[in-house]
Amino acid sequence: MSKEPFETRLKTILGELKGMIGESGLTKQGEIREMLKRDLRLGQVDAEVLTLLVTQAQSDNPLEDMYSGPKAALRPIHEKVMAAINQFGPLETAPKKAYLSLRRKKQFATVGPATNSRVEVGLNMKGIKPTARLEAVPPGGICQYKVKLTDANEVDRELIAWIRLAYDAAG
């Protein structure tokens, strides 16, 4: 049994896994998980946990990762949405790989780049009639509605009012 502390051994193992993943050239979590299952003969859950640990450890700033490369020009839209939401009151943010989850007692919205030219705001709320701008999302998704934004000027009173409804409903 090694005498070095558990944290040191864990960092070493995660560092080796990160190196293995980097050498593979894989970037998608599903591909990385499948490689770990195949090459290390791990089960589904073990491979998933290690994939999450290693990929989350790769960045200290998930927003930089989300809005890097061709998506960098979308960051001002995200910032404007968040500036408005942060005035509502207390909330939790949970960065995911492709979006930022916003929560109170439950998730009320998501914000993130959907493509290289568009940010999507996902909204969890009920009883709102969809419009051309406020699109209903098929059941089973993360949110019930989404709004597509291609310009910071689209962060307007109407959008902020919808987000506020979702915020208030989330407790």
N, C-alpha and C. Protein backbone atom coordinates (compact mmCIF):
# COMPACT_ATOMS: atom_id res chain seq x y z
N MET A 1 0.85 -1.19 0.00
CA MET A 1 0.00 0.00 0.00
C MET A 1 0.88 1.23 0.00
N SER A 2 0.59 2.15 -0.90
CA SER A 2 1.37 3.37 -1.03
C SER A 2 1.22 4.25 0.20
N LYS A 3 2.31 4.91 0.58
CA LYS A 3 2.28 5.79 1.73
C LYS A 3 1.87 7.22 1.37
N GLU A 4 1.85 7.52 0.07
CA GLU A 4 1.47 8.88 -0.31
C GLU A 4 -0.02 9.08 -0.05
N PRO A 5 -0.43 10.33 0.26
CA PRO A 5 -1.84 10.61 0.56
C PRO A 5 -2.75 10.28 -0.62
N PHE A 6 -3.98 9.94 -0.31
CA PHE A 6 -4.96 9.57 -1.33
C PHE A 6 -5.12 10.67 -2.37
N GLU A 7 -5.17 11.93 -1.92
CA GLU A 7 -5.35 13.04 -2.87
C GLU A 7 -4.22 13.08 -3.89
N THR A 8 -3.00 12.79 -3.45
CA THR A 8 -1.85 12.80 -4.35
C THR A 8 -1.97 11.68 -5.36
N ARG A 9 -2.34 10.49 -4.90
CA ARG A 9 -2.51 9.35 -5.82
C ARG A 9 -3.63 9.63 -6.82
N LEU A 10 -4.74 10.23 -6.35
CA LEU A 10 -5.86 10.53 -7.23
C LEU A 10 -5.44 11.55 -8.29
N LYS A 11 -4.72 12.59 -7.90
CA LYS A 11 -4.26 13.58 -8.87
C LYS A 11 -3.34 12.94 -9.90
N THR A 12 -2.51 12.01 -9.47
CA THR A 12 -1.61 11.32 -10.40
C THR A 12 -2.41 10.50 -11.40
N ILE A 13 -3.39 9.75 -10.91
CA ILE A 13 -4.22 8.93 -11.78
C ILE A 13 -5.00 9.80 -12.76
N LEU A 14 -5.62 10.87 -12.25
CA LEU A 14 -6.37 11.76 -13.14
C LEU A 14 -5.46 12.42 -14.16
N GLY A 15 -4.24 12.76 -13.75
CA GLY A 15 -3.27 13.33 -14.69
C GLY A 15 -2.92 12.35 -15.79
N GLU A 16 -2.73 11.07 -15.42
CA GLU A 16 -2.44 10.05 -16.43
C GLU A 16 -3.62 9.86 -17.38
N LEU A 17 -4.84 9.85 -16.83
CA LEU A 17 -6.03 9.73 -17.67
C LEU A 17 -6.17 10.92 -18.60
N LYS A 18 -5.91 12.11 -18.07
CA LYS A 18 -5.99 13.31 -18.90
C LYS A 18 -4.98 13.22 -20.05
N GLY A 19 -3.78 12.73 -19.76
CA GLY A 19 -2.78 12.55 -20.80
C GLY A 19 -3.22 11.54 -21.84
N MET A 20 -3.80 10.44 -21.38
CA MET A 20 -4.29 9.39 -22.29
C MET A 20 -5.40 9.95 -23.20
N ILE A 21 -6.29 10.72 -22.61
CA ILE A 21 -7.40 11.30 -23.39
C ILE A 21 -6.85 12.34 -24.36
N GLY A 22 -5.91 13.16 -23.91
CA GLY A 22 -5.31 14.15 -24.79
C GLY A 22 -4.62 13.51 -25.99
N GLU A 23 -3.89 12.42 -25.75
CA GLU A 23 -3.21 11.72 -26.84
C GLU A 23 -4.19 11.08 -27.82
N SER A 24 -5.38 10.71 -27.32
CA SER A 24 -6.37 10.07 -28.19
C SER A 24 -6.96 11.06 -29.20
N GLY A 25 -6.94 12.34 -28.85
CA GLY A 25 -7.53 13.35 -29.72
C GLY A 25 -9.05 13.45 -29.58
N LEU A 26 -9.63 12.64 -28.71
CA LEU A 26 -11.08 12.67 -28.52
C LEU A 26 -11.48 13.87 -27.67
N THR A 27 -12.63 14.48 -27.99
CA THR A 27 -13.10 15.62 -27.21
C THR A 27 -14.51 15.44 -26.67
N LYS A 28 -15.31 14.60 -27.30
CA LYS A 28 -16.68 14.40 -26.86
C LYS A 28 -16.73 13.40 -25.71
N GLN A 29 -17.53 13.72 -24.70
CA GLN A 29 -17.58 12.87 -23.52
C GLN A 29 -17.98 11.44 -23.84
N GLY A 30 -18.94 11.26 -24.74
CA GLY A 30 -19.37 9.91 -25.10
C GLY A 30 -18.25 9.11 -25.74
N GLU A 31 -17.47 9.74 -26.60
CA GLU A 31 -16.34 9.06 -27.23
C GLU A 31 -15.27 8.70 -26.20
N ILE A 32 -15.01 9.62 -25.28
CA ILE A 32 -14.02 9.37 -24.24
C ILE A 32 -14.47 8.22 -23.36
N ARG A 33 -15.73 8.23 -22.97
CA ARG A 33 -16.27 7.15 -22.13
C ARG A 33 -16.11 5.80 -22.81
N GLU A 34 -16.46 5.74 -24.10
CA GLU A 34 -16.35 4.47 -24.84
C GLU A 34 -14.89 4.01 -24.93
N MET A 35 -13.96 4.95 -25.10
CA MET A 35 -12.54 4.59 -25.15
C MET A 35 -12.10 4.00 -23.81
N LEU A 36 -12.52 4.63 -22.71
CA LEU A 36 -12.14 4.13 -21.38
C LEU A 36 -12.73 2.74 -21.13
N LYS A 37 -13.95 2.53 -21.57
CA LYS A 37 -14.57 1.20 -21.42
C LYS A 37 -13.77 0.16 -22.21
N ARG A 38 -13.43 0.51 -23.44
CA ARG A 38 -12.73 -0.43 -24.33
C ARG A 38 -11.28 -0.66 -23.87
N ASP A 39 -10.53 0.44 -23.67
CA ASP A 39 -9.10 0.31 -23.43
C ASP A 39 -8.75 -0.08 -21.99
N LEU A 40 -9.57 0.35 -21.05
CA LEU A 40 -9.29 0.03 -19.64
C LEU A 40 -10.24 -1.02 -19.08
N ARG A 41 -11.14 -1.48 -19.94
CA ARG A 41 -12.12 -2.52 -19.56
C ARG A 41 -12.95 -2.10 -18.34
N LEU A 42 -13.39 -0.84 -18.38
CA LEU A 42 -14.22 -0.30 -17.31
C LEU A 42 -15.69 -0.53 -17.62
N GLY A 43 -16.49 -0.57 -16.57
CA GLY A 43 -17.93 -0.61 -16.75
C GLY A 43 -18.46 0.76 -17.12
N GLN A 44 -19.72 0.82 -17.50
CA GLN A 44 -20.35 2.06 -17.94
C GLN A 44 -20.24 3.16 -16.88
N VAL A 45 -20.64 2.86 -15.66
CA VAL A 45 -20.67 3.88 -14.61
C VAL A 45 -19.26 4.36 -14.27
N ASP A 46 -18.31 3.42 -14.12
CA ASP A 46 -16.94 3.82 -13.81
C ASP A 46 -16.35 4.71 -14.91
N ALA A 47 -16.58 4.31 -16.16
CA ALA A 47 -16.07 5.11 -17.28
C ALA A 47 -16.72 6.48 -17.31
N GLU A 48 -18.01 6.54 -17.02
CA GLU A 48 -18.72 7.83 -17.02
C GLU A 48 -18.18 8.75 -15.93
N VAL A 49 -17.99 8.22 -14.73
CA VAL A 49 -17.48 9.03 -13.62
C VAL A 49 -16.08 9.54 -13.94
N LEU A 50 -15.21 8.68 -14.43
CA LEU A 50 -13.86 9.12 -14.76
C LEU A 50 -13.85 10.13 -15.89
N THR A 51 -14.71 9.93 -16.87
CA THR A 51 -14.81 10.89 -17.98
C THR A 51 -15.20 12.26 -17.43
N LEU A 52 -16.20 12.29 -16.57
CA LEU A 52 -16.63 13.57 -16.01
C LEU A 52 -15.54 14.21 -15.16
N LEU A 53 -14.88 13.41 -14.34
CA LEU A 53 -13.80 13.95 -13.50
C LEU A 53 -12.69 14.56 -14.35
N VAL A 54 -12.28 13.84 -15.37
CA VAL A 54 -11.16 14.31 -16.19
C VAL A 54 -11.57 15.49 -17.05
N THR A 55 -12.72 15.43 -17.70
CA THR A 55 -13.10 16.53 -18.59
C THR A 55 -13.44 17.78 -17.80
N GLN A 56 -14.02 17.65 -16.63
CA GLN A 56 -14.30 18.83 -15.82
C GLN A 56 -13.02 19.41 -15.24
N ALA A 57 -12.05 18.56 -14.99
CA ALA A 57 -10.78 19.03 -14.44
C ALA A 57 -9.95 19.74 -15.50
N GLN A 58 -10.30 19.59 -16.77
CA GLN A 58 -9.50 20.18 -17.83
C GLN A 58 -9.61 21.70 -17.89
N SER A 59 -10.64 22.28 -17.30
CA SER A 59 -10.81 23.71 -17.42
C SER A 59 -11.16 24.34 -16.08
N ASP A 60 -10.54 25.48 -15.82
CA ASP A 60 -10.89 26.23 -14.63
C ASP A 60 -11.98 27.26 -14.94
N ASN A 61 -12.26 27.49 -16.22
CA ASN A 61 -13.25 28.48 -16.61
C ASN A 61 -14.14 27.91 -17.71
N PRO A 62 -15.24 27.25 -17.32
CA PRO A 62 -16.10 26.61 -18.31
C PRO A 62 -16.70 27.59 -19.32
N LEU A 63 -16.94 28.84 -18.93
CA LEU A 63 -17.47 29.81 -19.89
C LEU A 63 -16.47 30.10 -20.99
N GLU A 64 -15.19 30.11 -20.64
CA GLU A 64 -14.16 30.30 -21.66
C GLU A 64 -14.19 29.15 -22.65
N ASP A 65 -14.40 27.95 -22.14
CA ASP A 65 -14.48 26.78 -23.02
C ASP A 65 -15.71 26.86 -23.92
N MET A 66 -16.86 27.23 -23.34
CA MET A 66 -18.11 27.31 -24.09
C MET A 66 -18.02 28.33 -25.22
N TYR A 67 -17.40 29.46 -24.92
CA TYR A 67 -17.35 30.58 -25.86
C TYR A 67 -15.95 30.77 -26.44
N SER A 68 -15.33 29.68 -26.81
CA SER A 68 -14.01 29.78 -27.43
C SER A 68 -14.13 29.53 -28.93
N GLY A 69 -13.07 29.84 -29.62
CA GLY A 69 -13.04 29.62 -31.07
C GLY A 69 -14.13 30.39 -31.79
N PRO A 70 -14.84 29.73 -32.70
CA PRO A 70 -15.85 30.43 -33.50
C PRO A 70 -17.04 30.94 -32.67
N LYS A 71 -17.21 30.44 -31.46
CA LYS A 71 -18.32 30.88 -30.61
C LYS A 71 -17.96 32.09 -29.74
N ALA A 72 -16.73 32.55 -29.79
CA ALA A 72 -16.27 33.66 -28.95
C ALA A 72 -17.11 34.92 -29.16
N ALA A 73 -17.55 35.16 -30.37
CA ALA A 73 -18.33 36.36 -30.67
C ALA A 73 -19.70 36.35 -30.00
N LEU A 74 -20.13 35.19 -29.50
CA LEU A 74 -21.44 35.08 -28.84
C LEU A 74 -21.39 35.45 -27.35
N ARG A 75 -20.22 35.57 -26.79
CA ARG A 75 -20.08 35.83 -25.36
C ARG A 75 -20.81 37.11 -24.90
N PRO A 76 -20.80 38.21 -25.66
CA PRO A 76 -21.53 39.40 -25.21
C PRO A 76 -23.04 39.16 -25.06
N ILE A 77 -23.60 38.28 -25.87
CA ILE A 77 -25.02 37.95 -25.72
C ILE A 77 -25.23 37.27 -24.37
N HIS A 78 -24.40 36.29 -24.08
CA HIS A 78 -24.47 35.56 -22.80
C HIS A 78 -24.34 36.54 -21.63
N GLU A 79 -23.36 37.41 -21.70
CA GLU A 79 -23.11 38.36 -20.62
C GLU A 79 -24.31 39.28 -20.40
N LYS A 80 -24.94 39.72 -21.47
CA LYS A 80 -26.10 40.61 -21.34
C LYS A 80 -27.28 39.88 -20.71
N VAL A 81 -27.50 38.63 -21.11
CA VAL A 81 -28.57 37.82 -20.50
C VAL A 81 -28.30 37.66 -19.00
N MET A 82 -27.08 37.29 -18.66
CA MET A 82 -26.74 37.06 -17.25
C MET A 82 -26.81 38.34 -16.42
N ALA A 83 -26.43 39.47 -16.98
CA ALA A 83 -26.51 40.74 -16.25
C ALA A 83 -27.95 41.03 -15.86
N ALA A 84 -28.89 40.75 -16.76
CA ALA A 84 -30.30 40.97 -16.45
C ALA A 84 -30.80 39.98 -15.40
N ILE A 85 -30.44 38.72 -15.55
CA ILE A 85 -30.90 37.68 -14.61
C ILE A 85 -30.34 37.92 -13.21
N ASN A 86 -29.10 38.33 -13.12
CA ASN A 86 -28.46 38.52 -11.81
C ASN A 86 -29.14 39.63 -10.99
N GLN A 87 -29.96 40.45 -11.63
CA GLN A 87 -30.69 41.48 -10.89
C GLN A 87 -31.98 40.95 -10.26
N PHE A 88 -32.38 39.73 -10.62
CA PHE A 88 -33.62 39.16 -10.07
C PHE A 88 -33.49 38.84 -8.58
N GLY A 89 -32.33 38.38 -8.17
CA GLY A 89 -32.14 37.94 -6.80
C GLY A 89 -31.24 36.72 -6.77
N PRO A 90 -31.25 35.98 -5.65
CA PRO A 90 -30.34 34.85 -5.51
C PRO A 90 -30.66 33.72 -6.48
N LEU A 91 -29.60 33.09 -6.96
CA LEU A 91 -29.72 31.94 -7.84
C LEU A 91 -28.41 31.19 -7.83
N GLU A 92 -28.46 29.95 -8.29
CA GLU A 92 -27.25 29.14 -8.42
C GLU A 92 -26.96 28.96 -9.90
N THR A 93 -25.68 28.95 -10.23
CA THR A 93 -25.29 28.63 -11.60
C THR A 93 -24.50 27.33 -11.56
N ALA A 94 -24.75 26.48 -12.54
CA ALA A 94 -24.04 25.21 -12.64
C ALA A 94 -23.57 25.06 -14.09
N PRO A 95 -22.29 25.31 -14.34
CA PRO A 95 -21.79 25.17 -15.70
C PRO A 95 -21.82 23.71 -16.15
N LYS A 96 -22.33 23.49 -17.31
CA LYS A 96 -22.29 22.19 -17.97
C LYS A 96 -21.33 22.33 -19.14
N LYS A 97 -21.15 21.30 -19.90
CA LYS A 97 -20.20 21.39 -21.01
C LYS A 97 -20.64 22.39 -22.07
N ALA A 98 -21.95 22.43 -22.39
CA ALA A 98 -22.42 23.25 -23.50
C ALA A 98 -23.34 24.40 -23.09
N TYR A 99 -23.65 24.51 -21.81
CA TYR A 99 -24.56 25.58 -21.38
C TYR A 99 -24.38 25.82 -19.89
N LEU A 100 -24.99 26.90 -19.42
CA LEU A 100 -24.99 27.24 -18.01
C LEU A 100 -26.39 26.99 -17.48
N SER A 101 -26.51 26.15 -16.46
CA SER A 101 -27.80 25.86 -15.84
C SER A 101 -28.03 26.88 -14.72
N LEU A 102 -29.24 27.43 -14.69
CA LEU A 102 -29.60 28.43 -13.68
C LEU A 102 -30.70 27.86 -12.80
N ARG A 103 -30.50 27.92 -11.47
CA ARG A 103 -31.40 27.26 -10.54
C ARG A 103 -31.77 28.15 -9.36
N ARG A 104 -32.95 27.89 -8.85
CA ARG A 104 -33.35 28.36 -7.53
C ARG A 104 -33.59 27.08 -6.75
N LYS A 105 -34.86 26.77 -6.40
CA LYS A 105 -35.14 25.46 -5.82
C LYS A 105 -35.07 24.39 -6.90
N LYS A 106 -35.33 24.79 -8.13
CA LYS A 106 -35.20 23.91 -9.29
C LYS A 106 -34.67 24.73 -10.46
N GLN A 107 -34.26 24.04 -11.50
CA GLN A 107 -33.73 24.74 -12.67
C GLN A 107 -34.83 25.57 -13.33
N PHE A 108 -34.52 26.82 -13.63
CA PHE A 108 -35.50 27.67 -14.31
C PHE A 108 -35.06 28.06 -15.71
N ALA A 109 -33.75 27.98 -16.00
CA ALA A 109 -33.30 28.37 -17.33
C ALA A 109 -31.93 27.77 -17.63
N THR A 110 -31.61 27.77 -18.91
CA THR A 110 -30.27 27.44 -19.39
C THR A 110 -29.86 28.52 -20.38
N VAL A 111 -28.57 28.79 -20.44
CA VAL A 111 -28.04 29.76 -21.39
C VAL A 111 -26.76 29.18 -21.97
N GLY A 112 -26.68 29.16 -23.29
CA GLY A 112 -25.46 28.65 -23.89
C GLY A 112 -25.48 28.73 -25.40
N PRO A 113 -24.30 28.61 -25.99
CA PRO A 113 -24.21 28.66 -27.45
C PRO A 113 -24.76 27.36 -28.04
N ALA A 114 -25.76 27.49 -28.90
CA ALA A 114 -26.34 26.31 -29.54
C ALA A 114 -25.61 25.98 -30.83
N THR A 115 -25.12 27.01 -31.50
CA THR A 115 -24.34 26.86 -32.73
C THR A 115 -23.24 27.92 -32.70
N ASN A 116 -22.48 28.01 -33.77
CA ASN A 116 -21.44 29.05 -33.86
C ASN A 116 -22.02 30.44 -34.05
N SER A 117 -23.33 30.52 -34.33
CA SER A 117 -23.93 31.83 -34.60
C SER A 117 -25.13 32.14 -33.72
N ARG A 118 -25.42 31.29 -32.72
CA ARG A 118 -26.64 31.48 -31.96
C ARG A 118 -26.49 31.02 -30.51
N VAL A 119 -27.00 31.84 -29.58
CA VAL A 119 -27.14 31.47 -28.17
C VAL A 119 -28.60 31.08 -27.97
N GLU A 120 -28.83 30.04 -27.18
CA GLU A 120 -30.20 29.69 -26.84
C GLU A 120 -30.42 29.85 -25.34
N VAL A 121 -31.58 30.41 -25.03
CA VAL A 121 -32.02 30.50 -23.65
C VAL A 121 -33.15 29.49 -23.52
N GLY A 122 -32.96 28.48 -22.69
CA GLY A 122 -34.00 27.50 -22.42
C GLY A 122 -34.76 27.93 -21.18
N LEU A 123 -36.07 27.76 -21.18
CA LEU A 123 -36.90 28.22 -20.07
C LEU A 123 -37.80 27.10 -19.55
N ASN A 124 -37.84 26.97 -18.24
CA ASN A 124 -38.75 26.02 -17.59
C ASN A 124 -39.90 26.81 -16.99
N MET A 125 -41.02 26.76 -17.65
CA MET A 125 -42.22 27.43 -17.15
C MET A 125 -43.40 26.76 -17.84
N LYS A 126 -44.57 26.95 -17.26
CA LYS A 126 -45.76 26.29 -17.80
C LYS A 126 -46.85 27.32 -18.05
N GLY A 127 -47.75 26.95 -18.96
CA GLY A 127 -48.93 27.76 -19.20
C GLY A 127 -48.71 29.01 -20.03
N ILE A 128 -47.61 29.08 -20.73
CA ILE A 128 -47.32 30.24 -21.57
C ILE A 128 -47.56 29.82 -23.02
N LYS A 129 -48.27 30.65 -23.75
CA LYS A 129 -48.54 30.34 -25.14
C LYS A 129 -47.29 30.60 -25.98
N PRO A 130 -46.83 29.60 -26.74
CA PRO A 130 -45.66 29.82 -27.59
C PRO A 130 -45.92 30.92 -28.62
N THR A 131 -44.86 31.55 -29.07
CA THR A 131 -44.92 32.55 -30.12
C THR A 131 -43.86 32.18 -31.16
N ALA A 132 -43.75 32.99 -32.18
CA ALA A 132 -42.70 32.74 -33.17
C ALA A 132 -41.33 32.81 -32.52
N ARG A 133 -41.19 33.64 -31.51
CA ARG A 133 -39.92 33.81 -30.82
C ARG A 133 -39.75 32.84 -29.66
N LEU A 134 -40.79 32.62 -28.89
CA LEU A 134 -40.77 31.70 -27.74
C LEU A 134 -41.25 30.34 -28.24
N GLU A 135 -40.29 29.49 -28.59
CA GLU A 135 -40.61 28.20 -29.19
C GLU A 135 -40.85 27.14 -28.12
N ALA A 136 -41.93 26.39 -28.28
CA ALA A 136 -42.17 25.25 -27.40
C ALA A 136 -41.19 24.14 -27.79
N VAL A 137 -40.68 23.44 -26.79
CA VAL A 137 -39.76 22.34 -27.01
C VAL A 137 -40.52 21.04 -26.77
N PRO A 138 -40.29 20.00 -27.57
CA PRO A 138 -40.99 18.74 -27.35
C PRO A 138 -40.77 18.21 -25.93
N PRO A 139 -41.77 17.53 -25.37
CA PRO A 139 -41.63 16.98 -24.02
C PRO A 139 -40.40 16.06 -23.90
N GLY A 140 -39.85 16.03 -22.70
CA GLY A 140 -38.71 15.16 -22.43
C GLY A 140 -37.37 15.86 -22.48
N GLY A 141 -37.36 17.12 -22.87
CA GLY A 141 -36.11 17.87 -22.93
C GLY A 141 -35.80 18.52 -21.59
N ILE A 142 -34.74 19.29 -21.58
CA ILE A 142 -34.32 19.99 -20.36
C ILE A 142 -35.30 21.10 -20.01
N CYS A 143 -35.82 21.78 -21.01
CA CYS A 143 -36.71 22.93 -20.81
C CYS A 143 -37.97 22.78 -21.65
N GLN A 144 -39.00 23.57 -21.32
CA GLN A 144 -40.25 23.54 -22.08
C GLN A 144 -40.24 24.52 -23.27
N TYR A 145 -39.41 25.56 -23.18
CA TYR A 145 -39.36 26.59 -24.22
C TYR A 145 -37.90 26.95 -24.50
N LYS A 146 -37.68 27.55 -25.68
CA LYS A 146 -36.37 28.11 -25.98
C LYS A 146 -36.53 29.38 -26.80
N VAL A 147 -35.56 30.27 -26.64
CA VAL A 147 -35.50 31.50 -27.39
C VAL A 147 -34.10 31.55 -28.02
N LYS A 148 -34.05 31.77 -29.32
CA LYS A 148 -32.79 31.83 -30.05
C LYS A 148 -32.34 33.28 -30.18
N LEU A 149 -31.08 33.53 -29.85
CA LEU A 149 -30.51 34.88 -29.90
C LEU A 149 -29.28 34.91 -30.78
N THR A 150 -29.24 35.85 -31.70
CA THR A 150 -28.07 36.01 -32.57
C THR A 150 -27.39 37.36 -32.36
N ASP A 151 -27.99 38.21 -31.52
CA ASP A 151 -27.46 39.55 -31.31
C ASP A 151 -27.80 40.00 -29.88
N ALA A 152 -26.92 40.73 -29.25
CA ALA A 152 -27.15 41.20 -27.88
C ALA A 152 -28.38 42.11 -27.79
N ASN A 153 -28.75 42.77 -28.88
CA ASN A 153 -29.93 43.63 -28.88
C ASN A 153 -31.23 42.84 -28.73
N GLU A 154 -31.18 41.54 -28.94
CA GLU A 154 -32.36 40.69 -28.76
C GLU A 154 -32.63 40.37 -27.29
N VAL A 155 -31.72 40.77 -26.42
CA VAL A 155 -31.94 40.64 -24.98
C VAL A 155 -32.75 41.86 -24.58
N ASP A 156 -34.07 41.73 -24.69
CA ASP A 156 -34.97 42.86 -24.50
C ASP A 156 -35.97 42.59 -23.38
N ARG A 157 -36.89 43.51 -23.19
CA ARG A 157 -37.89 43.39 -22.11
C ARG A 157 -38.71 42.11 -22.21
N GLU A 158 -39.09 41.75 -23.43
CA GLU A 158 -39.90 40.56 -23.62
C GLU A 158 -39.15 39.31 -23.13
N LEU A 159 -37.91 39.16 -23.54
CA LEU A 159 -37.11 38.01 -23.12
C LEU A 159 -36.91 38.02 -21.61
N ILE A 160 -36.55 39.16 -21.06
CA ILE A 160 -36.32 39.26 -19.62
C ILE A 160 -37.60 38.95 -18.84
N ALA A 161 -38.75 39.35 -19.36
CA ALA A 161 -40.03 39.04 -18.70
C ALA A 161 -40.27 37.52 -18.68
N TRP A 162 -39.98 36.83 -19.77
CA TRP A 162 -40.14 35.37 -19.79
C TRP A 162 -39.20 34.71 -18.80
N ILE A 163 -37.95 35.17 -18.78
CA ILE A 163 -36.99 34.59 -17.84
C ILE A 163 -37.44 34.85 -16.40
N ARG A 164 -37.98 36.03 -16.15
CA ARG A 164 -38.46 36.37 -14.80
C ARG A 164 -39.61 35.45 -14.39
N LEU A 165 -40.52 35.15 -15.31
CA LEU A 165 -41.61 34.20 -15.02
C LEU A 165 -41.05 32.84 -14.60
N ALA A 166 -40.06 32.36 -15.34
CA ALA A 166 -39.45 31.07 -15.02
C ALA A 166 -38.72 31.14 -13.68
N TYR A 167 -38.02 32.24 -13.43
CA TYR A 167 -37.31 32.44 -12.17
C TYR A 167 -38.28 32.41 -10.99
N ASP A 168 -39.36 33.18 -11.10
CA ASP A 168 -40.34 33.24 -10.01
C ASP A 168 -40.98 31.87 -9.76
N ALA A 169 -41.26 31.12 -10.82
CA ALA A 169 -41.90 29.81 -10.67
C ALA A 169 -40.97 28.78 -10.06
N ALA A 170 -39.67 29.03 -10.10
CA ALA A 170 -38.69 28.05 -9.60
C ALA A 170 -38.46 28.16 -8.10
N GLY A 171 -39.19 29.04 -7.44
CA GLY A 171 -39.15 29.04 -6.00
C GLY A 171 -38.32 29.99 -5.29
